[in-house]
Amino acid sequence: MLRIVAFYRLKPSVSMDEYWKWSVETDQPITAAQPGVRKFEAYQVTHSGEGLHHYDVMEDIEVDSWEAWEKVAKMPAMKKVAEEWPLYCDASSVLIARLQKIE
């Protein structure tokens, strides 16, 4: 299992309410239902700093593997998410971390 954490900002023209509605109605149900995705949760970041270190959203994703996640992104069922995500989110702000639990 692999945990992926993604941070990003919304576009200045997008309110958190607009994003929240889209996330709950579109992004979360579609992404969480894909093969290889064990968990997909989105969180509003209420404080993260300023400037380049400011983020609006954090996604916590558990997948079978990085390869499985790459396949998910290319699945036909993800087309709607892939087309609509850029309407809400600033792609230049994305920070993705792959996490390995220290045990």
PDB file of N, CA and C in Angstrom:
ATOM      1  N   MET A   1       0.822  -1.176   0.000  1.00  0.00           N
ATOM      2  CA  MET A   1       0.000   0.000   0.000  1.00  0.00           C
ATOM      3  C   MET A   1       0.876   1.252   0.000  1.00  0.00           C
ATOM      4  N   LEU A   2       0.402   2.270  -0.690  1.00  0.00           N
ATOM      5  CA  LEU A   2       1.114   3.542  -0.786  1.00  0.00           C
ATOM      6  C   LEU A   2       0.168   4.658  -0.378  1.00  0.00           C
ATOM      7  N   ARG A   3       0.666   5.585   0.385  1.00  0.00           N
ATOM      8  CA  ARG A   3      -0.108   6.777   0.745  1.00  0.00           C
ATOM      9  C   ARG A   3       0.461   7.946  -0.049  1.00  0.00           C
ATOM     10  N   ILE A   4      -0.452   8.686  -0.658  1.00  0.00           N
ATOM     11  CA  ILE A   4      -0.101   9.883  -1.421  1.00  0.00           C
ATOM     12  C   ILE A   4      -0.830  11.057  -0.784  1.00  0.00           C
ATOM     13  N   VAL A   5      -0.114  12.147  -0.593  1.00  0.00           N
ATOM     14  CA  VAL A   5      -0.719  13.375  -0.091  1.00  0.00           C
ATOM     15  C   VAL A   5      -0.486  14.453  -1.137  1.00  0.00           C
ATOM     16  N   ALA A   6      -1.568  15.126  -1.504  1.00  0.00           N
ATOM     17  CA  ALA A   6      -1.473  16.191  -2.503  1.00  0.00           C
ATOM     18  C   ALA A   6      -2.004  17.487  -1.894  1.00  0.00           C
ATOM     19  N   PHE A   7      -1.236  18.552  -2.042  1.00  0.00           N
ATOM     20  CA  PHE A   7      -1.644  19.885  -1.609  1.00  0.00           C
ATOM     21  C   PHE A   7      -1.769  20.762  -2.846  1.00  0.00           C
ATOM     22  N   TYR A   8      -2.760  21.660  -2.862  1.00  0.00           N
ATOM     23  CA  TYR A   8      -2.867  22.627  -3.952  1.00  0.00           C
ATOM     24  C   TYR A   8      -3.775  23.788  -3.561  1.00  0.00           C
ATOM     25  N   ARG A   9      -3.666  24.841  -4.352  1.00  0.00           N
ATOM     26  CA  ARG A   9      -4.494  26.028  -4.168  1.00  0.00           C
ATOM     27  C   ARG A   9      -5.631  26.034  -5.185  1.00  0.00           C
ATOM     28  N   LEU A  10      -6.690  26.717  -4.833  1.00  0.00           N
ATOM     29  CA  LEU A  10      -7.774  26.950  -5.771  1.00  0.00           C
ATOM     30  C   LEU A  10      -7.423  28.135  -6.652  1.00  0.00           C
ATOM     31  N   LYS A  11      -8.049  28.215  -7.798  1.00  0.00           N
ATOM     32  CA  LYS A  11      -7.894  29.397  -8.639  1.00  0.00           C
ATOM     33  C   LYS A  11      -8.519  30.583  -7.903  1.00  0.00           C
ATOM     34  N   PRO A  12      -7.977  31.788  -8.084  1.00  0.00           N
ATOM     35  CA  PRO A  12      -8.502  32.956  -7.368  1.00  0.00           C
ATOM     36  C   PRO A  12      -9.996  33.191  -7.601  1.00  0.00           C
ATOM     37  N   SER A  13     -10.505  32.792  -8.747  1.00  0.00           N
ATOM     38  CA  SER A  13     -11.912  33.023  -9.074  1.00  0.00           C
ATOM     39  C   SER A  13     -12.859  31.967  -8.488  1.00  0.00           C
ATOM     40  N   VAL A  14     -12.310  30.950  -7.806  1.00  0.00           N
ATOM     41  CA  VAL A  14     -13.112  29.842  -7.294  1.00  0.00           C
ATOM     42  C   VAL A  14     -13.248  29.960  -5.776  1.00  0.00           C
ATOM     43  N   SER A  15     -14.471  29.898  -5.287  1.00  0.00           N
ATOM     44  CA  SER A  15     -14.689  29.921  -3.837  1.00  0.00           C
ATOM     45  C   SER A  15     -14.536  28.501  -3.281  1.00  0.00           C
ATOM     46  N   MET A  16     -14.256  28.429  -1.992  1.00  0.00           N
ATOM     47  CA  MET A  16     -14.156  27.123  -1.345  1.00  0.00           C
ATOM     48  C   MET A  16     -15.502  26.411  -1.409  1.00  0.00           C
ATOM     49  N   ASP A  17     -16.598  27.128  -1.320  1.00  0.00           N
ATOM     50  CA  ASP A  17     -17.925  26.496  -1.425  1.00  0.00           C
ATOM     51  C   ASP A  17     -18.122  25.837  -2.782  1.00  0.00           C
ATOM     52  N   GLU A  18     -17.696  26.500  -3.849  1.00  0.00           N
ATOM     53  CA  GLU A  18     -17.811  25.926  -5.194  1.00  0.00           C
ATOM     54  C   GLU A  18     -16.971  24.656  -5.306  1.00  0.00           C
ATOM     55  N   TYR A  19     -15.729  24.742  -4.823  1.00  0.00           N
ATOM     56  CA  TYR A  19     -14.854  23.577  -4.875  1.00  0.00           C
ATOM     57  C   TYR A  19     -15.419  22.443  -4.025  1.00  0.00           C
ATOM     58  N   TRP A  20     -15.877  22.765  -2.829  1.00  0.00           N
ATOM     59  CA  TRP A  20     -16.391  21.770  -1.895  1.00  0.00           C
ATOM     60  C   TRP A  20     -17.514  20.978  -2.558  1.00  0.00           C
ATOM     61  N   LYS A  21     -18.446  21.682  -3.198  1.00  0.00           N
ATOM     62  CA  LYS A  21     -19.582  21.039  -3.876  1.00  0.00           C
ATOM     63  C   LYS A  21     -19.081  20.091  -4.969  1.00  0.00           C
ATOM     64  N   TRP A  22     -18.141  20.572  -5.792  1.00  0.00           N
ATOM     65  CA  TRP A  22     -17.598  19.736  -6.859  1.00  0.00           C
ATOM     66  C   TRP A  22     -16.861  18.525  -6.292  1.00  0.00           C
ATOM     67  N   SER A  23     -16.085  18.734  -5.253  1.00  0.00           N
ATOM     68  CA  SER A  23     -15.326  17.644  -4.648  1.00  0.00           C
ATOM     69  C   SER A  23     -16.255  16.552  -4.117  1.00  0.00           C
ATOM     70  N   VAL A  24     -17.294  16.947  -3.401  1.00  0.00           N
ATOM     71  CA  VAL A  24     -18.220  15.984  -2.785  1.00  0.00           C
ATOM     72  C   VAL A  24     -19.078  15.284  -3.838  1.00  0.00           C
ATOM     73  N   GLU A  25     -19.491  16.025  -4.860  1.00  0.00           N
ATOM     74  CA  GLU A  25     -20.411  15.454  -5.853  1.00  0.00           C
ATOM     75  C   GLU A  25     -19.710  14.736  -7.011  1.00  0.00           C
ATOM     76  N   THR A  26     -18.482  15.134  -7.323  1.00  0.00           N
ATOM     77  CA  THR A  26     -17.807  14.585  -8.504  1.00  0.00           C
ATOM     78  C   THR A  26     -16.487  13.897  -8.170  1.00  0.00           C
ATOM     79  N   ASP A  27     -15.530  14.656  -7.686  1.00  0.00           N
ATOM     80  CA  ASP A  27     -14.168  14.142  -7.519  1.00  0.00           C
ATOM     81  C   ASP A  27     -14.093  12.959  -6.550  1.00  0.00           C
ATOM     82  N   GLN A  28     -14.592  13.130  -5.352  1.00  0.00           N
ATOM     83  CA  GLN A  28     -14.455  12.069  -4.351  1.00  0.00           C
ATOM     84  C   GLN A  28     -15.175  10.772  -4.733  1.00  0.00           C
ATOM     85  N   PRO A  29     -16.446  10.826  -5.157  1.00  0.00           N
ATOM     86  CA  PRO A  29     -17.100   9.551  -5.490  1.00  0.00           C
ATOM     87  C   PRO A  29     -16.476   8.826  -6.682  1.00  0.00           C
ATOM     88  N   ILE A  30     -16.074   9.585  -7.700  1.00  0.00           N
ATOM     89  CA  ILE A  30     -15.495   8.948  -8.892  1.00  0.00           C
ATOM     90  C   ILE A  30     -14.122   8.370  -8.572  1.00  0.00           C
ATOM     91  N   THR A  31     -13.264   9.172  -7.954  1.00  0.00           N
ATOM     92  CA  THR A  31     -11.895   8.726  -7.686  1.00  0.00           C
ATOM     93  C   THR A  31     -11.871   7.570  -6.692  1.00  0.00           C
ATOM     94  N   ALA A  32     -12.656   7.662  -5.637  1.00  0.00           N
ATOM     95  CA  ALA A  32     -12.657   6.612  -4.610  1.00  0.00           C
ATOM     96  C   ALA A  32     -13.150   5.273  -5.148  1.00  0.00           C
ATOM     97  N   ALA A  33     -13.928   5.284  -6.223  1.00  0.00           N
ATOM     98  CA  ALA A  33     -14.504   4.047  -6.772  1.00  0.00           C
ATOM     99  C   ALA A  33     -13.585   3.332  -7.756  1.00  0.00           C
ATOM    100  N   GLN A  34     -12.412   3.890  -8.039  1.00  0.00           N
ATOM    101  CA  GLN A  34     -11.532   3.286  -9.043  1.00  0.00           C
ATOM    102  C   GLN A  34     -10.754   2.103  -8.469  1.00  0.00           C
ATOM    103  N   PRO A  35     -10.491   1.090  -9.301  1.00  0.00           N
ATOM    104  CA  PRO A  35      -9.705  -0.056  -8.846  1.00  0.00           C
ATOM    105  C   PRO A  35      -8.308   0.389  -8.399  1.00  0.00           C
ATOM    106  N   GLY A  36      -7.865  -0.172  -7.307  1.00  0.00           N
ATOM    107  CA  GLY A  36      -6.540   0.169  -6.789  1.00  0.00           C
ATOM    108  C   GLY A  36      -6.553   1.317  -5.799  1.00  0.00           C
ATOM    109  N   VAL A  37      -7.671   2.038  -5.689  1.00  0.00           N
ATOM    110  CA  VAL A  37      -7.785   3.139  -4.715  1.00  0.00           C
ATOM    111  C   VAL A  37      -8.451   2.581  -3.465  1.00  0.00           C
ATOM    112  N   ARG A  38      -7.736   2.629  -2.369  1.00  0.00           N
ATOM    113  CA  ARG A  38      -8.265   2.116  -1.103  1.00  0.00           C
ATOM    114  C   ARG A  38      -8.976   3.202  -0.310  1.00  0.00           C
ATOM    115  N   LYS A  39      -8.496   4.444  -0.442  1.00  0.00           N
ATOM    116  CA  LYS A  39      -9.093   5.565   0.277  1.00  0.00           C
ATOM    117  C   LYS A  39      -8.796   6.842  -0.491  1.00  0.00           C
ATOM    118  N   PHE A  40      -9.783   7.717  -0.548  1.00  0.00           N
ATOM    119  CA  PHE A  40      -9.591   9.028  -1.161  1.00  0.00           C
ATOM    120  C   PHE A  40     -10.401  10.029  -0.357  1.00  0.00           C
ATOM    121  N   GLU A  41      -9.707  10.924   0.328  1.00  0.00           N
ATOM    122  CA  GLU A  41     -10.363  11.940   1.143  1.00  0.00           C
ATOM    123  C   GLU A  41      -9.774  13.299   0.808  1.00  0.00           C
ATOM    124  N   ALA A  42     -10.634  14.300   0.785  1.00  0.00           N
ATOM    125  CA  ALA A  42     -10.194  15.669   0.532  1.00  0.00           C
ATOM    126  C   ALA A  42     -10.480  16.508   1.771  1.00  0.00           C
ATOM    127  N   TYR A  43      -9.576  17.422   2.070  1.00  0.00           N
ATOM    128  CA  TYR A  43      -9.691  18.278   3.249  1.00  0.00           C
ATOM    129  C   TYR A  43      -9.466  19.731   2.860  1.00  0.00           C
ATOM    130  N   GLN A  44     -10.244  20.614   3.455  1.00  0.00           N
ATOM    131  CA  GLN A  44      -9.959  22.042   3.331  1.00  0.00           C
ATOM    132  C   GLN A  44      -8.830  22.350   4.302  1.00  0.00           C
ATOM    133  N   VAL A  45      -7.788  23.007   3.823  1.00  0.00           N
ATOM    134  CA  VAL A  45      -6.686  23.408   4.683  1.00  0.00           C
ATOM    135  C   VAL A  45      -7.089  24.736   5.321  1.00  0.00           C
ATOM    136  N   THR A  46      -7.173  24.753   6.625  1.00  0.00           N
ATOM    137  CA  THR A  46      -7.613  25.966   7.305  1.00  0.00           C
ATOM    138  C   THR A  46      -6.449  26.886   7.675  1.00  0.00           C
ATOM    139  N   HIS A  47      -5.226  26.337   7.692  1.00  0.00           N
ATOM    140  CA  HIS A  47      -4.036  27.169   7.891  1.00  0.00           C
ATOM    141  C   HIS A  47      -2.812  26.403   7.406  1.00  0.00           C
ATOM    142  N   SER A  48      -2.003  27.055   6.583  1.00  0.00           N
ATOM    143  CA  SER A  48      -0.783  26.382   6.108  1.00  0.00           C
ATOM    144  C   SER A  48       0.356  27.350   5.860  1.00  0.00           C
ATOM    145  N   GLY A  49       0.218  28.582   6.233  1.00  0.00           N
ATOM    146  CA  GLY A  49       1.269  29.552   5.974  1.00  0.00           C
ATOM    147  C   GLY A  49       0.820  30.533   4.907  1.00  0.00           C
ATOM    148  N   GLU A  50       1.801  31.189   4.315  1.00  0.00           N
ATOM    149  CA  GLU A  50       1.498  32.220   3.322  1.00  0.00           C
ATOM    150  C   GLU A  50       2.355  32.029   2.082  1.00  0.00           C
ATOM    151  N   GLY A  51       2.039  32.766   1.029  1.00  0.00           N
ATOM    152  CA  GLY A  51       2.819  32.728  -0.206  1.00  0.00           C
ATOM    153  C   GLY A  51       2.827  31.348  -0.822  1.00  0.00           C
ATOM    154  N   LEU A  52       3.998  30.900  -1.239  1.00  0.00           N
ATOM    155  CA  LEU A  52       4.119  29.592  -1.878  1.00  0.00           C
ATOM    156  C   LEU A  52       3.750  28.446  -0.950  1.00  0.00           C
ATOM    157  N   HIS A  53       3.753  28.707   0.344  1.00  0.00           N
ATOM    158  CA  HIS A  53       3.460  27.652   1.306  1.00  0.00           C
ATOM    159  C   HIS A  53       2.003  27.648   1.740  1.00  0.00           C
ATOM    160  N   HIS A  54       1.189  28.424   1.075  1.00  0.00           N
ATOM    161  CA  HIS A  54      -0.248  28.446   1.368  1.00  0.00           C
ATOM    162  C   HIS A  54      -0.963  27.447   0.460  1.00  0.00           C
ATOM    163  N   TYR A  55      -1.780  26.615   1.053  1.00  0.00           N
ATOM    164  CA  TYR A  55      -2.580  25.663   0.287  1.00  0.00           C
ATOM    165  C   TYR A  55      -4.023  25.735   0.756  1.00  0.00           C
ATOM    166  N   ASP A  56      -4.946  25.447  -0.158  1.00  0.00           N
ATOM    167  CA  ASP A  56      -6.371  25.451   0.160  1.00  0.00           C
ATOM    168  C   ASP A  56      -6.917  24.053   0.392  1.00  0.00           C
ATOM    169  N   VAL A  57      -6.324  23.062  -0.287  1.00  0.00           N
ATOM    170  CA  VAL A  57      -6.855  21.697  -0.255  1.00  0.00           C
ATOM    171  C   VAL A  57      -5.721  20.701  -0.041  1.00  0.00           C
ATOM    172  N   MET A  58      -6.038  19.647   0.720  1.00  0.00           N
ATOM    173  CA  MET A  58      -5.123  18.522   0.879  1.00  0.00           C
ATOM    174  C   MET A  58      -5.927  17.256   0.583  1.00  0.00           C
ATOM    175  N   GLU A  59      -5.384  16.404  -0.265  1.00  0.00           N
ATOM    176  CA  GLU A  59      -6.002  15.110  -0.537  1.00  0.00           C
ATOM    177  C   GLU A  59      -5.145  14.018   0.088  1.00  0.00           C
ATOM    178  N   ASP A  60      -5.800  13.108   0.772  1.00  0.00           N
ATOM    179  CA  ASP A  60      -5.150  11.965   1.395  1.00  0.00           C
ATOM    180  C   ASP A  60      -5.614  10.733   0.631  1.00  0.00           C
ATOM    181  N   ILE A  61      -4.679  10.068  -0.031  1.00  0.00           N
ATOM    182  CA  ILE A  61      -5.019   8.995  -0.954  1.00  0.00           C
ATOM    183  C   ILE A  61      -4.232   7.738  -0.582  1.00  0.00           C
ATOM    184  N   GLU A  62      -4.910   6.627  -0.471  1.00  0.00           N
ATOM    185  CA  GLU A  62      -4.243   5.346  -0.283  1.00  0.00           C
ATOM    186  C   GLU A  62      -4.517   4.494  -1.513  1.00  0.00           C
ATOM    187  N   VAL A  63      -3.451   3.978  -2.107  1.00  0.00           N
ATOM    188  CA  VAL A  63      -3.559   3.174  -3.313  1.00  0.00           C
ATOM    189  C   VAL A  63      -2.707   1.916  -3.178  1.00  0.00           C
ATOM    190  N   ASP A  64      -2.975   0.957  -4.050  1.00  0.00           N
ATOM    191  CA  ASP A  64      -2.197  -0.276  -4.019  1.00  0.00           C
ATOM    192  C   ASP A  64      -0.722  -0.021  -4.322  1.00  0.00           C
ATOM    193  N   SER A  65      -0.455   0.905  -5.258  1.00  0.00           N
ATOM    194  CA  SER A  65       0.919   1.223  -5.655  1.00  0.00           C
ATOM    195  C   SER A  65       0.905   2.502  -6.487  1.00  0.00           C
ATOM    196  N   TRP A  66       2.087   3.065  -6.735  1.00  0.00           N
ATOM    197  CA  TRP A  66       2.182   4.237  -7.599  1.00  0.00           C
ATOM    198  C   TRP A  66       1.722   3.882  -9.018  1.00  0.00           C
ATOM    199  N   GLU A  67       2.078   2.709  -9.465  1.00  0.00           N
ATOM    200  CA  GLU A  67       1.668   2.256 -10.792  1.00  0.00           C
ATOM    201  C   GLU A  67       0.143   2.172 -10.886  1.00  0.00           C
ATOM    202  N   ALA A  68      -0.500   1.690  -9.814  1.00  0.00           N
ATOM    203  CA  ALA A  68      -1.966   1.629  -9.794  1.00  0.00           C
ATOM    204  C   ALA A  68      -2.557   3.028  -9.883  1.00  0.00           C
ATOM    205  N   TRP A  69      -1.948   3.993  -9.165  1.00  0.00           N
ATOM    206  CA  TRP A  69      -2.436   5.381  -9.202  1.00  0.00           C
ATOM    207  C   TRP A  69      -2.273   5.975 -10.600  1.00  0.00           C
ATOM    208  N   GLU A  70      -1.166   5.696 -11.250  1.00  0.00           N
ATOM    209  CA  GLU A  70      -0.963   6.192 -12.609  1.00  0.00           C
ATOM    210  C   GLU A  70      -2.023   5.619 -13.553  1.00  0.00           C
ATOM    211  N   LYS A  71      -2.402   4.368 -13.356  1.00  0.00           N
ATOM    212  CA  LYS A  71      -3.454   3.762 -14.181  1.00  0.00           C
ATOM    213  C   LYS A  71      -4.802   4.413 -13.922  1.00  0.00           C
ATOM    214  N   VAL A  72      -5.076   4.723 -12.654  1.00  0.00           N
ATOM    215  CA  VAL A  72      -6.340   5.373 -12.299  1.00  0.00           C
ATOM    216  C   VAL A  72      -6.496   6.671 -13.071  1.00  0.00           C
ATOM    217  N   ALA A  73      -5.439   7.444 -13.147  1.00  0.00           N
ATOM    218  CA  ALA A  73      -5.495   8.752 -13.819  1.00  0.00           C
ATOM    219  C   ALA A  73      -5.859   8.628 -15.294  1.00  0.00           C
ATOM    220  N   LYS A  74      -5.593   7.474 -15.888  1.00  0.00           N
ATOM    221  CA  LYS A  74      -5.851   7.275 -17.320  1.00  0.00           C
ATOM    222  C   LYS A  74      -7.163   6.535 -17.599  1.00  0.00           C
ATOM    223  N   MET A  75      -7.892   6.158 -16.572  1.00  0.00           N
ATOM    224  CA  MET A  75      -9.121   5.380 -16.759  1.00  0.00           C
ATOM    225  C   MET A  75     -10.227   6.251 -17.347  1.00  0.00           C
ATOM    226  N   PRO A  76     -11.044   5.689 -18.220  1.00  0.00           N
ATOM    227  CA  PRO A  76     -12.149   6.451 -18.810  1.00  0.00           C
ATOM    228  C   PRO A  76     -13.085   7.067 -17.768  1.00  0.00           C
ATOM    229  N   ALA A  77     -13.287   6.370 -16.658  1.00  0.00           N
ATOM    230  CA  ALA A  77     -14.172   6.897 -15.616  1.00  0.00           C
ATOM    231  C   ALA A  77     -13.643   8.195 -14.998  1.00  0.00           C
ATOM    232  N   MET A  78     -12.335   8.435 -15.122  1.00  0.00           N
ATOM    233  CA  MET A  78     -11.715   9.631 -14.551  1.00  0.00           C
ATOM    234  C   MET A  78     -11.750  10.827 -15.503  1.00  0.00           C
ATOM    235  N   LYS A  79     -12.280  10.649 -16.692  1.00  0.00           N
ATOM    236  CA  LYS A  79     -12.277  11.725 -17.687  1.00  0.00           C
ATOM    237  C   LYS A  79     -12.959  12.990 -17.166  1.00  0.00           C
ATOM    238  N   LYS A  80     -14.106  12.841 -16.542  1.00  0.00           N
ATOM    239  CA  LYS A  80     -14.846  13.992 -16.007  1.00  0.00           C
ATOM    240  C   LYS A  80     -14.010  14.737 -14.962  1.00  0.00           C
ATOM    241  N   VAL A  81     -13.379  14.002 -14.056  1.00  0.00           N
ATOM    242  CA  VAL A  81     -12.529  14.618 -13.034  1.00  0.00           C
ATOM    243  C   VAL A  81     -11.368  15.349 -13.695  1.00  0.00           C
ATOM    244  N   ALA A  82     -10.708  14.690 -14.631  1.00  0.00           N
ATOM    245  CA  ALA A  82      -9.545  15.286 -15.305  1.00  0.00           C
ATOM    246  C   ALA A  82      -9.917  16.543 -16.081  1.00  0.00           C
ATOM    247  N   GLU A  83     -11.089  16.575 -16.669  1.00  0.00           N
ATOM    248  CA  GLU A  83     -11.513  17.753 -17.427  1.00  0.00           C
ATOM    249  C   GLU A  83     -11.948  18.899 -16.523  1.00  0.00           C
ATOM    250  N   GLU A  84     -12.569  18.586 -15.398  1.00  0.00           N
ATOM    251  CA  GLU A  84     -13.119  19.628 -14.532  1.00  0.00           C
ATOM    252  C   GLU A  84     -12.147  20.139 -13.474  1.00  0.00           C
ATOM    253  N   TRP A  85     -11.209  19.313 -13.022  1.00  0.00           N
ATOM    254  CA  TRP A  85     -10.274  19.728 -11.975  1.00  0.00           C
ATOM    255  C   TRP A  85      -9.590  21.057 -12.309  1.00  0.00           C
ATOM    256  N   PRO A  86      -9.088  21.262 -13.532  1.00  0.00           N
ATOM    257  CA  PRO A  86      -8.408  22.531 -13.844  1.00  0.00           C
ATOM    258  C   PRO A  86      -9.320  23.759 -13.810  1.00  0.00           C
ATOM    259  N   LEU A  87     -10.621  23.559 -13.816  1.00  0.00           N
ATOM    260  CA  LEU A  87     -11.539  24.691 -13.711  1.00  0.00           C
ATOM    261  C   LEU A  87     -11.542  25.268 -12.296  1.00  0.00           C
ATOM    262  N   TYR A  88     -11.198  24.444 -11.329  1.00  0.00           N
ATOM    263  CA  TYR A  88     -11.232  24.834  -9.923  1.00  0.00           C
ATOM    264  C   TYR A  88      -9.858  25.088  -9.319  1.00  0.00           C
ATOM    265  N   CYS A  89      -8.868  24.355  -9.774  1.00  0.00           N
ATOM    266  CA  CYS A  89      -7.591  24.289  -9.070  1.00  0.00           C
ATOM    267  C   CYS A  89      -6.434  24.853  -9.882  1.00  0.00           C
ATOM    268  N   ASP A  90      -5.461  25.386  -9.154  1.00  0.00           N
ATOM    269  CA  ASP A  90      -4.261  25.964  -9.752  1.00  0.00           C
ATOM    270  C   ASP A  90      -3.208  24.860  -9.911  1.00  0.00           C
ATOM    271  N   ALA A  91      -3.073  24.352 -11.121  1.00  0.00           N
ATOM    272  CA  ALA A  91      -2.148  23.238 -11.382  1.00  0.00           C
ATOM    273  C   ALA A  91      -0.706  23.579 -11.037  1.00  0.00           C
ATOM    274  N   SER A  92      -0.332  24.853 -11.124  1.00  0.00           N
ATOM    275  CA  SER A  92       1.054  25.238 -10.823  1.00  0.00           C
ATOM    276  C   SER A  92       1.372  25.173  -9.325  1.00  0.00           C
ATOM    277  N   SER A  93       0.354  25.008  -8.494  1.00  0.00           N
ATOM    278  CA  SER A  93       0.569  25.000  -7.041  1.00  0.00           C
ATOM    279  C   SER A  93       0.664  23.598  -6.451  1.00  0.00           C
ATOM    280  N   VAL A  94       0.507  22.572  -7.252  1.00  0.00           N
ATOM    281  CA  VAL A  94       0.407  21.200  -6.734  1.00  0.00           C
ATOM    282  C   VAL A  94       1.723  20.716  -6.130  1.00  0.00           C
ATOM    283  N   LEU A  95       1.600  20.172  -4.942  1.00  0.00           N
ATOM    284  CA  LEU A  95       2.715  19.494  -4.269  1.00  0.00           C
ATOM    285  C   LEU A  95       2.230  18.083  -3.947  1.00  0.00           C
ATOM    286  N   ILE A  96       2.919  17.076  -4.480  1.00  0.00           N
ATOM    287  CA  ILE A  96       2.535  15.685  -4.236  1.00  0.00           C
ATOM    288  C   ILE A  96       3.668  15.000  -3.491  1.00  0.00           C
ATOM    289  N   ALA A  97       3.303  14.301  -2.430  1.00  0.00           N
ATOM    290  CA  ALA A  97       4.279  13.537  -1.654  1.00  0.00           C
ATOM    291  C   ALA A  97       3.824  12.088  -1.590  1.00  0.00           C
ATOM    292  N   ARG A  98       4.742  11.172  -1.866  1.00  0.00           N
ATOM    293  CA  ARG A  98       4.495   9.746  -1.678  1.00  0.00           C
ATOM    294  C   ARG A  98       5.075   9.390  -0.309  1.00  0.00           C
ATOM    295  N   LEU A  99       4.269   8.751   0.517  1.00  0.00           N
ATOM    296  CA  LEU A  99       4.671   8.515   1.887  1.00  0.00           C
ATOM    297  C   LEU A  99       4.859   7.030   2.197  1.00  0.00           C
ATOM    298  N   GLN A 100       5.899   6.730   2.930  1.00  0.00           N
ATOM    299  CA  GLN A 100       6.165   5.390   3.421  1.00  0.00           C
ATOM    300  C   GLN A 100       6.149   5.460   4.930  1.00  0.00           C
ATOM    301  N   LYS A 101       5.277   4.698   5.570  1.00  0.00           N
ATOM    302  CA  LYS A 101       5.166   4.708   7.020  1.00  0.00           C
ATOM    303  C   LYS A 101       6.456   4.196   7.650  1.00  0.00           C
ATOM    304  N   ILE A 102       6.909   4.900   8.656  1.00  0.00           N
ATOM    305  CA  ILE A 102       8.106   4.494   9.403  1.00  0.00           C
ATOM    306  C   ILE A 102       7.658   3.578  10.540  1.00  0.00           C
ATOM    307  N   GLU A 103       8.088   2.325  10.449  1.00  0.00           N
ATOM    308  CA  GLU A 103       7.685   1.342  11.464  1.00  0.00           C
ATOM    309  C   GLU A 103       8.901   0.599  11.970  1.00  0.00           C
TER     310      GLU A 103
END
